[in-house]
Amino acid sequence: MKKNVKIYTMLKVVDINYSINAKQILKNINLEFQDGEITVITGGNGSGKSTLLNIIGGITKQDSGKVFLDNAEISNLPVFKRSKLGLSFAFQQPVKFTGISVKRLLEIAENKQTNISTACDYLSQVGLCARNYITREFNNELSGGERKRIEIALSLAQNSQNCLFDEPEAGIDMWSFDSLVSIFEHLKKEGKCVVIVTHNEKIIEIADKIIVLNNGSLEYVGNNEKFKQLLPNLCSKLTGGK
């Protein structure tokens, strides 16, 4: 007799609301994110995409509502505790760590001493020649694109079950972009929960679930096929009918 396989939600937000300067940015957001899926959050500028991701990651505190990980509420946990529970975050604008080498950051992400070979593997996956970066500091001497790729390498080293990426394509050159897409597909094959804020069509194309935000509300939640069918109407709504 075939056993029932339990499919459970790794990550969930319930009734999330957030306002700033009397303007409501997010309105009653309820979403579930599954293991082994790539979820894309998209929408117009100012629609609340990055704010939602920041709330899930613990960078921004919601006004009301709850965030759950493995059915346990994490709404009031700081970033580092969420990280220990298996939640990684790649920022839209990577944080700078003056005085810390790239190799040391990889060790912190892995939570162990990282050998040169392993460190090189993480960096090569994001299109960087490791020998040029291992000993360098993660600071302003690196370009925005370099910092972005190194941060994605740090996310890989962390090996979190739940991976959040805020516009990961920003600063990534066309030669490295296919490698970036391959990383997301690999994380999915490993059964990870991958959540990406993006406008990029190629990343949207590989998504299992697409979420469209419009003025802080959910405009669409569904698969790629239906998204393509509704895209003309969605674009019209997002641009105010223009």
Protein backbone atom coordinates (compact mmCIF):
# COMPACT_ATOMS: atom_id res chain seq x y z
CA MET A 1 0.00 0.00 0.00
CA LYS A 2 1.37 3.39 -0.97
CA LYS A 3 2.21 5.61 1.97
CA ASN A 4 0.88 9.14 2.10
CA VAL A 5 3.67 11.63 1.55
CA LYS A 6 3.32 14.73 3.68
CA ILE A 7 4.11 17.95 1.86
CA TYR A 8 4.57 20.81 4.28
CA THR A 9 5.36 24.48 3.97
CA MET A 10 8.87 25.47 4.96
CA LEU A 11 8.15 29.18 4.86
CA LYS A 12 4.90 31.09 5.32
CA VAL A 13 3.69 34.66 5.92
CA VAL A 14 0.29 35.36 7.45
CA ASP A 15 -1.64 38.65 7.34
CA ILE A 16 1.47 40.80 6.84
CA ASN A 17 0.91 44.56 6.96
CA TYR A 18 3.51 47.29 6.83
CA SER A 19 3.33 51.08 6.59
CA ILE A 20 5.86 53.89 6.46
CA ASN A 21 5.09 57.61 6.86
CA ALA A 22 1.36 56.83 6.95
CA LYS A 23 1.57 55.02 3.59
CA GLN A 24 0.64 51.36 3.59
CA ILE A 25 3.33 49.41 1.73
CA LEU A 26 1.99 45.88 2.27
CA LYS A 27 -1.67 44.96 2.80
CA ASN A 28 -2.77 41.64 4.32
CA ILE A 29 -0.20 39.46 2.57
CA ASN A 30 -0.71 35.69 2.94
CA LEU A 31 1.74 33.42 1.11
CA GLU A 32 3.34 29.98 1.30
CA PHE A 33 6.72 29.00 -0.13
CA GLN A 34 7.45 25.33 -0.78
CA ASP A 35 10.59 23.22 -0.71
CA GLY A 36 11.94 22.29 -4.13
CA GLU A 37 10.37 25.31 -5.80
CA ILE A 38 11.58 28.58 -7.26
CA THR A 39 9.21 31.41 -6.40
CA VAL A 40 9.56 34.77 -8.12
CA ILE A 41 8.13 37.95 -6.59
CA THR A 42 7.67 40.66 -9.20
CA GLY A 43 5.65 43.82 -9.80
CA GLY A 44 6.06 47.52 -10.43
CA ASN A 45 8.49 49.82 -8.65
CA GLY A 46 7.28 50.58 -5.13
CA SER A 47 4.89 47.64 -5.08
CA GLY A 48 6.41 46.22 -1.88
CA LYS A 49 8.54 43.38 -3.29
CA SER A 50 11.79 44.08 -1.45
CA THR A 51 9.92 45.11 1.69
CA LEU A 52 8.19 41.72 1.79
CA LEU A 53 11.50 39.90 1.36
CA ASN A 54 13.07 42.08 4.07
CA ILE A 55 10.25 41.17 6.46
CA ILE A 56 10.72 37.46 5.76
CA GLY A 57 14.47 37.82 6.30
CA GLY A 58 14.13 39.84 9.50
CA ILE A 59 15.64 43.05 8.17
CA THR A 60 12.34 44.94 8.41
CA LYS A 61 9.74 44.49 11.16
CA GLN A 62 6.13 44.18 10.02
CA ASP A 63 3.40 46.26 11.69
CA SER A 64 1.24 43.18 12.06
CA GLY A 65 1.14 39.59 10.89
CA LYS A 66 3.39 36.59 11.36
CA VAL A 67 6.26 34.77 9.66
CA PHE A 68 6.61 30.99 10.07
CA LEU A 69 9.50 28.64 9.36
CA ASP A 70 8.90 24.89 9.74
CA ASN A 71 5.58 25.70 11.39
CA ALA A 72 7.35 27.69 14.12
CA GLU A 73 6.77 31.44 14.36
CA ILE A 74 9.91 33.49 13.74
CA SER A 75 8.24 36.92 13.47
CA ASN A 76 10.27 38.43 16.32
CA LEU A 77 13.60 36.70 15.71
CA PRO A 78 16.61 38.78 14.57
CA VAL A 79 18.42 38.09 11.31
CA PHE A 80 21.21 35.96 12.81
CA LYS A 81 18.74 33.63 14.56
CA ARG A 82 16.75 33.18 11.37
CA SER A 83 20.02 32.39 9.64
CA LYS A 84 20.78 29.66 12.18
CA LEU A 85 17.36 28.17 11.50
CA GLY A 86 18.16 27.86 7.79
CA LEU A 87 17.24 31.18 6.18
CA SER A 88 19.80 32.98 3.98
CA PHE A 89 19.45 36.44 2.41
CA ALA A 90 21.29 37.97 -0.54
CA PHE A 91 20.71 41.73 -0.48
CA GLN A 92 19.90 43.99 -3.43
CA GLN A 93 22.85 46.14 -2.31
CA PRO A 94 25.41 43.84 -0.63
CA VAL A 95 26.72 44.84 2.80
CA LYS A 96 30.42 45.78 2.91
CA PHE A 97 32.78 44.14 5.40
CA THR A 98 35.92 46.26 5.67
CA GLY A 99 38.92 44.35 6.97
CA ILE A 100 37.49 40.89 6.30
CA SER A 101 38.76 38.75 3.43
CA VAL A 102 36.48 36.91 1.03
CA LYS A 103 37.85 33.58 2.27
CA ARG A 104 37.07 34.49 5.88
CA LEU A 105 33.52 35.46 4.92
CA LEU A 106 33.09 32.07 3.23
CA GLU A 107 34.31 30.41 6.44
CA ILE A 108 31.79 32.40 8.48
CA ALA A 109 29.03 31.38 6.05
CA GLU A 110 30.04 27.71 6.20
CA ASN A 111 30.58 27.95 9.97
CA LYS A 112 33.86 26.08 9.65
CA GLN A 113 37.38 26.50 8.32
CA THR A 114 37.13 26.50 4.54
CA ASN A 115 39.96 25.08 2.44
CA ILE A 116 41.14 26.90 -0.67
CA SER A 117 39.63 24.31 -3.03
CA THR A 118 36.14 24.65 -1.54
CA ALA A 119 36.35 28.44 -1.47
CA CYS A 120 37.41 28.44 -5.11
CA ASP A 121 34.47 26.21 -6.02
CA TYR A 122 31.95 28.65 -4.51
CA LEU A 123 33.51 31.60 -6.33
CA SER A 124 33.79 29.81 -9.66
CA GLN A 125 30.07 28.99 -9.50
CA VAL A 126 29.34 32.72 -9.61
CA GLY A 127 31.78 33.37 -12.44
CA LEU A 128 34.77 34.68 -10.49
CA CYS A 129 38.39 33.59 -10.83
CA ALA A 130 39.01 32.52 -7.25
CA ARG A 131 42.72 33.29 -7.07
CA ASN A 132 41.93 36.97 -7.70
CA TYR A 133 39.45 37.21 -4.82
CA ILE A 134 40.29 34.77 -2.00
CA THR A 135 42.52 37.21 -0.08
CA ARG A 136 40.77 40.43 -1.06
CA GLU A 137 38.67 42.44 1.37
CA PHE A 138 34.93 42.70 0.77
CA ASN A 139 34.91 46.49 0.51
CA ASN A 140 34.54 49.47 -1.84
CA GLU A 141 37.51 48.39 -3.94
CA LEU A 142 35.27 45.68 -5.38
CA SER A 143 32.72 46.70 -7.99
CA GLY A 144 29.01 46.38 -7.29
CA GLY A 145 28.82 43.37 -9.59
CA GLU A 146 31.76 41.67 -7.86
CA ARG A 147 30.21 42.21 -4.43
CA LYS A 148 26.91 40.86 -5.71
CA ARG A 149 28.47 37.67 -7.01
CA ILE A 150 30.50 37.13 -3.86
CA GLU A 151 27.38 37.56 -1.75
CA ILE A 152 25.63 34.87 -3.81
CA ALA A 153 28.69 32.64 -3.23
CA LEU A 154 28.29 33.29 0.51
CA SER A 155 24.66 32.24 0.26
CA LEU A 156 25.75 28.97 -1.37
CA ALA A 157 28.37 28.40 1.34
CA GLN A 158 25.74 28.89 4.02
CA ASN A 159 23.82 25.93 2.55
CA SER A 160 20.49 27.17 3.92
CA GLN A 161 17.25 25.35 3.21
CA ASN A 162 15.48 28.64 2.46
CA CYS A 163 17.29 31.05 0.11
CA LEU A 164 16.11 34.64 -0.41
CA PHE A 165 17.54 36.73 -3.26
CA ASP A 166 16.70 40.40 -3.85
CA GLU A 167 17.30 41.30 -7.53
CA PRO A 168 20.31 38.96 -7.85
CA GLU A 169 20.79 39.90 -11.51
CA ALA A 170 21.77 43.48 -10.62
CA GLY A 171 25.36 44.08 -11.67
CA ILE A 172 25.73 40.61 -13.20
CA ASP A 173 27.21 40.73 -16.70
CA MET A 174 25.68 38.74 -19.55
CA TRP A 175 28.56 36.23 -19.49
CA SER A 176 27.79 35.26 -15.89
CA PHE A 177 24.01 35.34 -16.13
CA ASP A 178 23.56 31.75 -17.34
CA SER A 179 25.64 30.58 -14.38
CA LEU A 180 23.34 32.53 -12.06
CA VAL A 181 20.25 30.84 -13.50
CA SER A 182 21.98 27.45 -13.17
CA ILE A 183 22.59 28.16 -9.48
CA PHE A 184 18.87 28.68 -8.87
CA GLU A 185 18.00 25.52 -10.79
CA HIS A 186 20.60 23.56 -8.80
CA LEU A 187 19.21 24.81 -5.50
CA LYS A 188 15.76 23.68 -6.62
CA LYS A 189 17.07 20.20 -7.48
CA GLU A 190 18.55 19.99 -3.99
CA GLY A 191 15.06 20.55 -2.60
CA LYS A 192 15.69 24.11 -1.42
CA CYS A 193 13.02 26.76 -1.09
CA VAL A 194 14.20 29.57 -3.40
CA VAL A 195 12.50 33.00 -3.32
CA ILE A 196 13.66 35.68 -5.77
CA VAL A 197 12.61 39.30 -6.21
CA THR A 198 13.21 40.14 -9.86
CA HIS A 199 11.95 41.74 -13.06
CA ASN A 200 14.19 39.57 -15.23
CA GLU A 201 12.30 37.54 -17.83
CA LYS A 202 14.80 34.65 -17.89
CA ILE A 203 14.57 34.18 -14.14
CA ILE A 204 10.78 34.47 -14.26
CA GLU A 205 10.80 31.78 -16.95
CA ILE A 206 12.31 29.16 -14.60
CA ALA A 207 9.94 29.94 -11.72
CA ASP A 208 7.48 27.34 -10.44
CA LYS A 209 5.37 30.01 -8.76
CA ILE A 210 5.02 33.68 -9.62
CA ILE A 211 3.75 36.33 -7.23
CA VAL A 212 2.80 39.75 -8.58
CA LEU A 213 2.46 42.65 -6.15
CA ASN A 214 0.57 45.80 -7.05
CA ASN A 215 0.51 48.74 -4.62
CA GLY A 216 1.20 46.42 -1.71
CA SER A 217 -1.50 43.88 -2.52
CA LEU A 218 -1.39 40.47 -4.15
CA GLU A 219 -2.37 40.87 -7.80
CA TYR A 220 -1.51 37.34 -8.90
CA VAL A 221 -0.25 34.09 -7.36
CA GLY A 222 0.11 31.12 -9.68
CA ASN A 223 2.18 29.18 -12.18
CA ASN A 224 4.06 30.36 -15.25
CA GLU A 225 1.56 29.15 -17.83
CA LYS A 226 -1.36 31.10 -16.41
CA PHE A 227 0.91 34.10 -15.74
CA LYS A 228 1.76 34.30 -19.45
CA GLN A 229 -1.91 34.18 -20.37
CA LEU A 230 -2.78 36.98 -17.96
CA LEU A 231 0.35 39.06 -18.60
CA PRO A 232 -1.27 41.68 -20.92
CA ASN A 233 -3.98 42.41 -18.34
CA LEU A 234 -1.47 42.38 -15.48
CA CYS A 235 0.77 44.85 -17.29
CA SER A 236 -2.18 47.12 -17.89
CA LYS A 237 -3.05 47.10 -14.17
CA LEU A 238 0.53 47.67 -13.06
CA THR A 239 0.95 50.65 -15.37
CA GLY A 240 -2.45 52.14 -14.61
CA GLY A 241 -3.83 51.24 -18.02
CA LYS A 242 -1.09 53.05 -19.95
